[in-house]
Amino acid sequence: MKKVTLRLDEQDYSLAKDRAEKMNISMNTYFIELLNKDIENNMFNDIETRMNRKIELLAEVMEEQTREYINNKKYLGAVLDLLMETLNVEVIEDE
């Protein structure tokens, strides 16, 4: 691991130190976690990569909505069949 010097204002250092102590971790671990969160939040990725992730997320949501639509359609069909059976009604299709 490469050692790097980090320069902070005294106020920022005390704030980071307090947060690390509250989380019961070392300052080094605290800064590594902050950097990892920034990397996970696409800070270092280019726009194309971020757009592709958002498109993939949108596709997943659309697939889920389609599945829910199909399930709801099946459910409503079953409820309608049950209702028609209960009421003893038949559907007569016009030609």
Protein backbone atom coordinates (compact mmCIF):
# COMPACT_ATOMS: atom_id res chain seq x y z
CA MET A 1 0.00 0.00 0.00
CA LYS A 2 1.34 3.43 -0.87
CA LYS A 3 1.51 5.97 1.94
CA VAL A 4 0.07 9.38 1.14
CA THR A 5 0.11 12.54 3.22
CA LEU A 6 -3.27 14.11 3.78
CA ARG A 7 -3.43 17.78 4.68
CA LEU A 8 -6.53 19.01 6.48
CA ASP A 9 -7.55 22.16 8.27
CA GLU A 10 -7.54 21.78 12.03
CA GLN A 11 -11.34 22.10 12.13
CA ASP A 12 -11.82 19.45 9.42
CA TYR A 13 -9.36 17.15 11.17
CA SER A 14 -11.18 17.42 14.50
CA LEU A 15 -14.53 16.80 12.78
CA ALA A 16 -13.19 13.71 10.99
CA LYS A 17 -11.55 12.50 14.20
CA ASP A 18 -14.84 12.86 16.11
CA ARG A 19 -16.78 10.97 13.45
CA ALA A 20 -14.20 8.19 13.34
CA GLU A 21 -14.36 7.87 17.12
CA LYS A 22 -18.17 7.74 17.05
CA MET A 23 -17.98 4.97 14.46
CA ASN A 24 -15.31 3.27 16.59
CA ILE A 25 -12.82 3.00 13.70
CA SER A 26 -9.41 4.45 12.97
CA MET A 27 -8.91 7.68 11.00
CA ASN A 28 -7.27 5.69 8.21
CA THR A 29 -10.25 3.33 7.94
CA TYR A 30 -12.63 6.30 8.05
CA PHE A 31 -10.91 8.01 5.10
CA ILE A 32 -10.69 4.77 3.14
CA GLU A 33 -14.45 4.25 3.63
CA LEU A 34 -15.12 7.82 2.49
CA LEU A 35 -13.06 7.29 -0.65
CA ASN A 36 -14.78 3.98 -1.36
CA LYS A 37 -18.20 5.62 -1.01
CA ASP A 38 -17.16 8.34 -3.44
CA ILE A 39 -15.93 5.75 -5.91
CA GLU A 40 -19.15 3.74 -5.54
CA ASN A 41 -21.17 6.91 -6.13
CA ASN A 42 -19.58 7.27 -9.57
CA MET A 43 -17.33 10.17 -8.62
CA PHE A 44 -14.49 8.83 -10.75
CA ASN A 45 -16.54 7.34 -13.58
CA ASP A 46 -17.13 9.05 -16.87
CA ILE A 47 -20.53 10.22 -18.04
CA GLU A 48 -21.03 7.31 -20.43
CA THR A 49 -20.58 4.77 -17.64
CA ARG A 50 -23.05 6.62 -15.40
CA MET A 51 -25.59 6.87 -18.22
CA ASN A 52 -25.26 3.15 -18.97
CA ARG A 53 -25.88 2.30 -15.31
CA LYS A 54 -28.97 4.49 -15.25
CA ILE A 55 -30.23 2.88 -18.46
CA GLU A 56 -29.68 -0.58 -16.94
CA LEU A 57 -31.56 0.49 -13.81
CA LEU A 58 -34.42 1.82 -15.92
CA ALA A 59 -34.55 -1.46 -17.87
CA GLU A 60 -34.72 -3.42 -14.60
CA VAL A 61 -37.57 -1.23 -13.35
CA MET A 62 -39.47 -1.60 -16.62
CA GLU A 63 -39.06 -5.40 -16.52
CA GLU A 64 -40.35 -5.47 -12.95
CA GLN A 65 -43.33 -3.31 -13.88
CA THR A 66 -44.10 -5.59 -16.83
CA ARG A 67 -44.05 -8.64 -14.56
CA GLU A 68 -46.35 -6.87 -12.08
CA TYR A 69 -48.72 -5.92 -14.92
CA ILE A 70 -48.90 -9.54 -16.08
CA ASN A 71 -49.46 -10.77 -12.51
CA ASN A 72 -52.19 -8.17 -11.95
CA LYS A 73 -53.86 -9.13 -15.23
CA LYS A 74 -53.85 -12.82 -14.20
CA TYR A 75 -55.20 -11.91 -10.75
CA LEU A 76 -58.01 -9.79 -12.18
CA GLY A 77 -58.88 -12.57 -14.63
CA ALA A 78 -59.14 -15.05 -11.77
CA VAL A 79 -61.30 -12.66 -9.71
CA LEU A 80 -63.56 -12.08 -12.71
CA ASP A 81 -63.92 -15.84 -13.29
CA LEU A 82 -64.75 -16.36 -9.63
CA LEU A 83 -67.30 -13.54 -9.68
CA MET A 84 -68.96 -14.85 -12.83
CA GLU A 85 -69.07 -18.36 -11.35
CA THR A 86 -70.57 -17.00 -8.12
CA LEU A 87 -73.20 -15.02 -10.01
CA ASN A 88 -73.77 -17.92 -12.39
CA VAL A 89 -73.26 -15.67 -15.42
CA GLU A 90 -71.84 -16.60 -18.81
CA VAL A 91 -70.25 -14.26 -21.32
CA ILE A 92 -71.86 -14.46 -24.72
CA GLU A 93 -69.60 -13.17 -27.44
CA ASP A 94 -71.24 -11.39 -30.37
CA GLU A 95 -70.19 -12.44 -33.83
